[in-house]
Amino acid sequence: MIGGTHSSLGCDLSDFNGSLLVPGIGAQGGRMEDLPDLFGDAVRHVLPVVGRGVISAGPDAAALRARVTELLAT
């Protein structure tokens, strides 16, 4: 697990071949648009956690879907 709020990883993940759970996106200050710069080639392995950012759009199902669509577009 690597926080999405970091400005630098401090390690080379270019040969990493697994999933990277990345909390801190949204309410904690991490931004989806920063993930490619932070993770480089390993960004394809990133599983961003945006719990509060999604839940805050609810409880309406359409609003939840719209928030997820918005986050995925960044």
PDB file of N, CA and C in Angstrom:
ATOM      1  N   MET A   1       0.853  -1.169   0.000  1.00  0.00           N
ATOM      2  CA  MET A   1       0.000   0.000   0.000  1.00  0.00           C
ATOM      3  C   MET A   1       0.899   1.231   0.000  1.00  0.00           C
ATOM      4  N   ILE A   2       0.602   2.164  -0.898  1.00  0.00           N
ATOM      5  CA  ILE A   2       1.366   3.398  -1.028  1.00  0.00           C
ATOM      6  C   ILE A   2       0.369   4.540  -1.095  1.00  0.00           C
ATOM      7  N   GLY A   3       0.488   5.516  -0.206  1.00  0.00           N
ATOM      8  CA  GLY A   3      -0.452   6.626  -0.166  1.00  0.00           C
ATOM      9  C   GLY A   3      -0.398   7.505  -1.393  1.00  0.00           C
ATOM     10  N   GLY A   4      -1.556   7.846  -1.903  1.00  0.00           N
ATOM     11  CA  GLY A   4      -1.656   8.713  -3.067  1.00  0.00           C
ATOM     12  C   GLY A   4      -1.384  10.173  -2.761  1.00  0.00           C
ATOM     13  N   THR A   5      -1.070  10.476  -1.512  1.00  0.00           N
ATOM     14  CA  THR A   5      -0.776  11.847  -1.135  1.00  0.00           C
ATOM     15  C   THR A   5       0.722  12.152  -1.157  1.00  0.00           C
ATOM     16  N   HIS A   6       1.547  11.161  -1.433  1.00  0.00           N
ATOM     17  CA  HIS A   6       2.996  11.361  -1.462  1.00  0.00           C
ATOM     18  C   HIS A   6       3.404  12.137  -2.713  1.00  0.00           C
ATOM     19  N   SER A   7       4.467  12.882  -2.609  1.00  0.00           N
ATOM     20  CA  SER A   7       4.991  13.592  -3.776  1.00  0.00           C
ATOM     21  C   SER A   7       6.035  12.756  -4.505  1.00  0.00           C
ATOM     22  N   SER A   8       6.563  11.739  -3.826  1.00  0.00           N
ATOM     23  CA  SER A   8       7.556  10.849  -4.414  1.00  0.00           C
ATOM     24  C   SER A   8       7.441   9.478  -3.744  1.00  0.00           C
ATOM     25  N   LEU A   9       7.639   8.431  -4.505  1.00  0.00           N
ATOM     26  CA  LEU A   9       7.547   7.078  -3.945  1.00  0.00           C
ATOM     27  C   LEU A   9       8.796   6.686  -3.175  1.00  0.00           C
ATOM     28  N   GLY A  10       9.936   7.176  -3.597  1.00  0.00           N
ATOM     29  CA  GLY A  10      11.178   6.810  -2.938  1.00  0.00           C
ATOM     30  C   GLY A  10      11.673   5.429  -3.314  1.00  0.00           C
ATOM     31  N   CYS A  11      11.083   4.846  -4.358  1.00  0.00           N
ATOM     32  CA  CYS A  11      11.529   3.527  -4.832  1.00  0.00           C
ATOM     33  C   CYS A  11      11.150   3.382  -6.304  1.00  0.00           C
ATOM     34  N   ASP A  12      11.769   2.427  -6.950  1.00  0.00           N
ATOM     35  CA  ASP A  12      11.530   2.172  -8.365  1.00  0.00           C
ATOM     36  C   ASP A  12      10.532   1.028  -8.510  1.00  0.00           C
ATOM     37  N   LEU A  13       9.384   1.297  -9.095  1.00  0.00           N
ATOM     38  CA  LEU A  13       8.356   0.274  -9.288  1.00  0.00           C
ATOM     39  C   LEU A  13       8.242  -0.183 -10.736  1.00  0.00           C
ATOM     40  N   SER A  14       9.210   0.184 -11.577  1.00  0.00           N
ATOM     41  CA  SER A  14       9.104  -0.114 -13.002  1.00  0.00           C
ATOM     42  C   SER A  14       9.018  -1.610 -13.301  1.00  0.00           C
ATOM     43  N   ASP A  15       9.586  -2.462 -12.465  1.00  0.00           N
ATOM     44  CA  ASP A  15       9.520  -3.911 -12.684  1.00  0.00           C
ATOM     45  C   ASP A  15       8.475  -4.589 -11.809  1.00  0.00           C
ATOM     46  N   PHE A  16       7.712  -3.806 -11.066  1.00  0.00           N
ATOM     47  CA  PHE A  16       6.698  -4.374 -10.178  1.00  0.00           C
ATOM     48  C   PHE A  16       5.578  -4.977 -11.014  1.00  0.00           C
ATOM     49  N   ASN A  17       5.094  -6.144 -10.608  1.00  0.00           N
ATOM     50  CA  ASN A  17       4.069  -6.844 -11.378  1.00  0.00           C
ATOM     51  C   ASN A  17       2.949  -7.324 -10.464  1.00  0.00           C
ATOM     52  N   GLY A  18       2.400  -6.424  -9.679  1.00  0.00           N
ATOM     53  CA  GLY A  18       1.298  -6.772  -8.792  1.00  0.00           C
ATOM     54  C   GLY A  18       0.394  -5.571  -8.638  1.00  0.00           C
ATOM     55  N   SER A  19      -0.599  -5.704  -7.797  1.00  0.00           N
ATOM     56  CA  SER A  19      -1.525  -4.602  -7.554  1.00  0.00           C
ATOM     57  C   SER A  19      -0.975  -3.658  -6.494  1.00  0.00           C
ATOM     58  N   LEU A  20      -1.228  -2.379  -6.691  1.00  0.00           N
ATOM     59  CA  LEU A  20      -0.797  -1.346  -5.753  1.00  0.00           C
ATOM     60  C   LEU A  20      -2.041  -0.650  -5.205  1.00  0.00           C
ATOM     61  N   LEU A  21      -2.388  -0.937  -3.974  1.00  0.00           N
ATOM     62  CA  LEU A  21      -3.519  -0.286  -3.335  1.00  0.00           C
ATOM     63  C   LEU A  21      -3.066   1.103  -2.906  1.00  0.00           C
ATOM     64  N   VAL A  22      -3.753   2.130  -3.414  1.00  0.00           N
ATOM     65  CA  VAL A  22      -3.339   3.512  -3.176  1.00  0.00           C
ATOM     66  C   VAL A  22      -4.473   4.292  -2.510  1.00  0.00           C
ATOM     67  N   PRO A  23      -4.441   4.372  -1.169  1.00  0.00           N
ATOM     68  CA  PRO A  23      -5.436   5.177  -0.464  1.00  0.00           C
ATOM     69  C   PRO A  23      -5.055   6.649  -0.486  1.00  0.00           C
ATOM     70  N   GLY A  24      -5.956   7.480  -0.020  1.00  0.00           N
ATOM     71  CA  GLY A  24      -5.654   8.903   0.119  1.00  0.00           C
ATOM     72  C   GLY A  24      -6.132   9.757  -1.030  1.00  0.00           C
ATOM     73  N   ILE A  25      -6.850   9.172  -1.974  1.00  0.00           N
ATOM     74  CA  ILE A  25      -7.341   9.932  -3.119  1.00  0.00           C
ATOM     75  C   ILE A  25      -8.642  10.630  -2.722  1.00  0.00           C
ATOM     76  N   GLY A  26      -8.747  11.898  -3.046  1.00  0.00           N
ATOM     77  CA  GLY A  26      -9.980  12.634  -2.753  1.00  0.00           C
ATOM     78  C   GLY A  26      -9.900  13.410  -1.461  1.00  0.00           C
ATOM     79  N   ALA A  27     -10.664  12.989  -0.467  1.00  0.00           N
ATOM     80  CA  ALA A  27     -10.798  13.729   0.790  1.00  0.00           C
ATOM     81  C   ALA A  27      -9.467  13.945   1.499  1.00  0.00           C
ATOM     82  N   GLN A  28      -8.513  13.051   1.307  1.00  0.00           N
ATOM     83  CA  GLN A  28      -7.223  13.180   1.990  1.00  0.00           C
ATOM     84  C   GLN A  28      -6.201  13.984   1.187  1.00  0.00           C
ATOM     85  N   GLY A  29      -6.574  14.421   0.000  1.00  0.00           N
ATOM     86  CA  GLY A  29      -5.709  15.309  -0.761  1.00  0.00           C
ATOM     87  C   GLY A  29      -5.046  14.715  -1.984  1.00  0.00           C
ATOM     88  N   GLY A  30      -5.032  13.390  -2.123  1.00  0.00           N
ATOM     89  CA  GLY A  30      -4.464  12.785  -3.325  1.00  0.00           C
ATOM     90  C   GLY A  30      -5.379  13.016  -4.517  1.00  0.00           C
ATOM     91  N   ARG A  31      -4.800  13.135  -5.697  1.00  0.00           N
ATOM     92  CA  ARG A  31      -5.590  13.407  -6.894  1.00  0.00           C
ATOM     93  C   ARG A  31      -5.344  12.347  -7.959  1.00  0.00           C
ATOM     94  N   MET A  32      -6.409  11.918  -8.614  1.00  0.00           N
ATOM     95  CA  MET A  32      -6.304  10.906  -9.664  1.00  0.00           C
ATOM     96  C   MET A  32      -5.333  11.356 -10.753  1.00  0.00           C
ATOM     97  N   GLU A  33      -5.383  12.625 -11.107  1.00  0.00           N
ATOM     98  CA  GLU A  33      -4.542  13.114 -12.198  1.00  0.00           C
ATOM     99  C   GLU A  33      -3.059  13.102 -11.860  1.00  0.00           C
ATOM    100  N   ASP A  34      -2.705  12.968 -10.582  1.00  0.00           N
ATOM    101  CA  ASP A  34      -1.301  12.908 -10.180  1.00  0.00           C
ATOM    102  C   ASP A  34      -0.723  11.490 -10.238  1.00  0.00           C
ATOM    103  N   LEU A  35      -1.581  10.491 -10.333  1.00  0.00           N
ATOM    104  CA  LEU A  35      -1.103   9.107 -10.274  1.00  0.00           C
ATOM    105  C   LEU A  35      -0.129   8.729 -11.389  1.00  0.00           C
ATOM    106  N   PRO A  36      -0.346   9.127 -12.651  1.00  0.00           N
ATOM    107  CA  PRO A  36       0.635   8.772 -13.687  1.00  0.00           C
ATOM    108  C   PRO A  36       2.032   9.323 -13.405  1.00  0.00           C
ATOM    109  N   ASP A  37       2.116  10.562 -12.921  1.00  0.00           N
ATOM    110  CA  ASP A  37       3.433  11.137 -12.615  1.00  0.00           C
ATOM    111  C   ASP A  37       4.068  10.444 -11.417  1.00  0.00           C
ATOM    112  N   LEU A  38       3.265  10.101 -10.427  1.00  0.00           N
ATOM    113  CA  LEU A  38       3.779   9.478  -9.218  1.00  0.00           C
ATOM    114  C   LEU A  38       4.228   8.036  -9.461  1.00  0.00           C
ATOM    115  N   PHE A  39       3.461   7.273 -10.237  1.00  0.00           N
ATOM    116  CA  PHE A  39       3.738   5.852 -10.413  1.00  0.00           C
ATOM    117  C   PHE A  39       4.399   5.496 -11.740  1.00  0.00           C
ATOM    118  N   GLY A  40       4.446   6.419 -12.676  1.00  0.00           N
ATOM    119  CA  GLY A  40       5.096   6.150 -13.958  1.00  0.00           C
ATOM    120  C   GLY A  40       4.510   4.934 -14.651  1.00  0.00           C
ATOM    121  N   ASP A  41       5.369   4.051 -15.158  1.00  0.00           N
ATOM    122  CA  ASP A  41       4.920   2.857 -15.876  1.00  0.00           C
ATOM    123  C   ASP A  41       4.112   1.906 -15.005  1.00  0.00           C
ATOM    124  N   ALA A  42       4.262   1.998 -13.694  1.00  0.00           N
ATOM    125  CA  ALA A  42       3.535   1.113 -12.786  1.00  0.00           C
ATOM    126  C   ALA A  42       2.098   1.569 -12.549  1.00  0.00           C
ATOM    127  N   VAL A  43       1.684   2.704 -13.132  1.00  0.00           N
ATOM    128  CA  VAL A  43       0.336   3.225 -12.895  1.00  0.00           C
ATOM    129  C   VAL A  43      -0.734   2.221 -13.325  1.00  0.00           C
ATOM    130  N   ARG A  44      -0.430   1.357 -14.255  1.00  0.00           N
ATOM    131  CA  ARG A  44      -1.410   0.352 -14.701  1.00  0.00           C
ATOM    132  C   ARG A  44      -1.751  -0.648 -13.599  1.00  0.00           C
ATOM    133  N   HIS A  45      -0.937  -0.703 -12.553  1.00  0.00           N
ATOM    134  CA  HIS A  45      -1.169  -1.612 -11.436  1.00  0.00           C
ATOM    135  C   HIS A  45      -1.884  -0.938 -10.261  1.00  0.00           C
ATOM    136  N   VAL A  46      -2.133   0.363 -10.384  1.00  0.00           N
ATOM    137  CA  VAL A  46      -2.696   1.139  -9.277  1.00  0.00           C
ATOM    138  C   VAL A  46      -4.196   0.887  -9.123  1.00  0.00           C
ATOM    139  N   LEU A  47      -4.590   0.625  -7.887  1.00  0.00           N
ATOM    140  CA  LEU A  47      -6.004   0.512  -7.513  1.00  0.00           C
ATOM    141  C   LEU A  47      -6.289   1.664  -6.545  1.00  0.00           C
ATOM    142  N   PRO A  48      -6.746   2.819  -7.072  1.00  0.00           N
ATOM    143  CA  PRO A  48      -6.958   3.968  -6.202  1.00  0.00           C
ATOM    144  C   PRO A  48      -8.153   3.754  -5.277  1.00  0.00           C
ATOM    145  N   VAL A  49      -8.009   4.205  -4.049  1.00  0.00           N
ATOM    146  CA  VAL A  49      -9.081   4.112  -3.059  1.00  0.00           C
ATOM    147  C   VAL A  49      -9.667   5.514  -2.885  1.00  0.00           C
ATOM    148  N   VAL A  50     -10.939   5.634  -3.208  1.00  0.00           N
ATOM    149  CA  VAL A  50     -11.614   6.923  -3.173  1.00  0.00           C
ATOM    150  C   VAL A  50     -12.906   6.772  -2.371  1.00  0.00           C
ATOM    151  N   GLY A  51     -12.828   6.121  -1.222  1.00  0.00           N
ATOM    152  CA  GLY A  51     -14.015   5.800  -0.437  1.00  0.00           C
ATOM    153  C   GLY A  51     -14.872   6.994  -0.067  1.00  0.00           C
ATOM    154  N   ARG A  52     -14.308   7.939   0.672  1.00  0.00           N
ATOM    155  CA  ARG A  52     -15.090   9.106   1.105  1.00  0.00           C
ATOM    156  C   ARG A  52     -15.540   9.954  -0.070  1.00  0.00           C
ATOM    157  N   GLY A  53     -14.724  10.039  -1.095  1.00  0.00           N
ATOM    158  CA  GLY A  53     -15.082  10.829  -2.271  1.00  0.00           C
ATOM    159  C   GLY A  53     -16.280  10.285  -3.007  1.00  0.00           C
ATOM    160  N   VAL A  54     -16.467   8.980  -2.976  1.00  0.00           N
ATOM    161  CA  VAL A  54     -17.622   8.359  -3.622  1.00  0.00           C
ATOM    162  C   VAL A  54     -18.823   8.377  -2.676  1.00  0.00           C
ATOM    163  N   ILE A  55     -18.619   7.949  -1.455  1.00  0.00           N
ATOM    164  CA  ILE A  55     -19.719   7.852  -0.499  1.00  0.00           C
ATOM    165  C   ILE A  55     -20.389   9.204  -0.265  1.00  0.00           C
ATOM    166  N   SER A  56     -19.625  10.281  -0.301  1.00  0.00           N
ATOM    167  CA  SER A  56     -20.192  11.605  -0.052  1.00  0.00           C
ATOM    168  C   SER A  56     -21.213  12.012  -1.111  1.00  0.00           C
ATOM    169  N   ALA A  57     -21.217  11.355  -2.264  1.00  0.00           N
ATOM    170  CA  ALA A  57     -22.184  11.660  -3.317  1.00  0.00           C
ATOM    171  C   ALA A  57     -23.525  10.965  -3.089  1.00  0.00           C
ATOM    172  N   GLY A  58     -23.581   9.989  -2.180  1.00  0.00           N
ATOM    173  CA  GLY A  58     -24.778   9.180  -1.970  1.00  0.00           C
ATOM    174  C   GLY A  58     -25.789   9.846  -1.079  1.00  0.00           C
ATOM    175  N   PRO A  59     -26.876   9.156  -0.795  1.00  0.00           N
ATOM    176  CA  PRO A  59     -27.123   7.748  -1.054  1.00  0.00           C
ATOM    177  C   PRO A  59     -27.765   7.446  -2.407  1.00  0.00           C
ATOM    178  N   ASP A  60     -28.056   8.470  -3.193  1.00  0.00           N
ATOM    179  CA  ASP A  60     -28.695   8.253  -4.488  1.00  0.00           C
ATOM    180  C   ASP A  60     -27.766   7.488  -5.431  1.00  0.00           C
ATOM    181  N   ALA A  61     -28.252   6.381  -5.972  1.00  0.00           N
ATOM    182  CA  ALA A  61     -27.420   5.524  -6.833  1.00  0.00           C
ATOM    183  C   ALA A  61     -26.934   6.267  -8.074  1.00  0.00           C
ATOM    184  N   ALA A  62     -27.776   7.099  -8.666  1.00  0.00           N
ATOM    185  CA  ALA A  62     -27.371   7.839  -9.865  1.00  0.00           C
ATOM    186  C   ALA A  62     -26.257   8.832  -9.531  1.00  0.00           C
ATOM    187  N   ALA A  63     -26.349   9.459  -8.361  1.00  0.00           N
ATOM    188  CA  ALA A  63     -25.302  10.399  -7.950  1.00  0.00           C
ATOM    189  C   ALA A  63     -23.992   9.669  -7.681  1.00  0.00           C
ATOM    190  N   LEU A  64     -24.072   8.483  -7.110  1.00  0.00           N
ATOM    191  CA  LEU A  64     -22.862   7.678  -6.871  1.00  0.00           C
ATOM    192  C   LEU A  64     -22.198   7.301  -8.197  1.00  0.00           C
ATOM    193  N   ARG A  65     -23.008   6.840  -9.154  1.00  0.00           N
ATOM    194  CA  ARG A  65     -22.470   6.487 -10.475  1.00  0.00           C
ATOM    195  C   ARG A  65     -21.835   7.701 -11.148  1.00  0.00           C
ATOM    196  N   ALA A  66     -22.492   8.854 -11.024  1.00  0.00           N
ATOM    197  CA  ALA A  66     -21.964  10.068 -11.645  1.00  0.00           C
ATOM    198  C   ALA A  66     -20.618  10.440 -11.019  1.00  0.00           C
ATOM    199  N   ARG A  67     -20.477  10.296  -9.712  1.00  0.00           N
ATOM    200  CA  ARG A  67     -19.212  10.618  -9.053  1.00  0.00           C
ATOM    201  C   ARG A  67     -18.097   9.681  -9.522  1.00  0.00           C
ATOM    202  N   VAL A  68     -18.402   8.397  -9.640  1.00  0.00           N
ATOM    203  CA  VAL A  68     -17.402   7.435 -10.101  1.00  0.00           C
ATOM    204  C   VAL A  68     -16.998   7.762 -11.540  1.00  0.00           C
ATOM    205  N   THR A  69     -17.968   8.076 -12.377  1.00  0.00           N
ATOM    206  CA  THR A  69     -17.676   8.441 -13.764  1.00  0.00           C
ATOM    207  C   THR A  69     -16.780   9.679 -13.798  1.00  0.00           C
ATOM    208  N   GLU A  70     -17.094  10.661 -12.957  1.00  0.00           N
ATOM    209  CA  GLU A  70     -16.279  11.880 -12.878  1.00  0.00           C
ATOM    210  C   GLU A  70     -14.841  11.566 -12.467  1.00  0.00           C
ATOM    211  N   LEU A  71     -14.678  10.710 -11.473  1.00  0.00           N
ATOM    212  CA  LEU A  71     -13.333  10.351 -10.998  1.00  0.00           C
ATOM    213  C   LEU A  71     -12.552   9.581 -12.060  1.00  0.00           C
ATOM    214  N   LEU A  72     -13.209   8.708 -12.778  1.00  0.00           N
ATOM    215  CA  LEU A  72     -12.533   7.925 -13.807  1.00  0.00           C
ATOM    216  C   LEU A  72     -12.122   8.773 -15.004  1.00  0.00           C
ATOM    217  N   ALA A  73     -12.785   9.896 -15.208  1.00  0.00           N
ATOM    218  CA  ALA A  73     -12.482  10.768 -16.343  1.00  0.00           C
ATOM    219  C   ALA A  73     -11.232  11.600 -16.118  1.00  0.00           C
ATOM    220  N   THR A  74     -10.721  11.640 -14.887  1.00  0.00           N
ATOM    221  CA  THR A  74      -9.552  12.470 -14.612  1.00  0.00           C
ATOM    222  C   THR A  74      -8.273  11.705 -14.835  1.00  0.00           C
TER     223      THR A  74
END
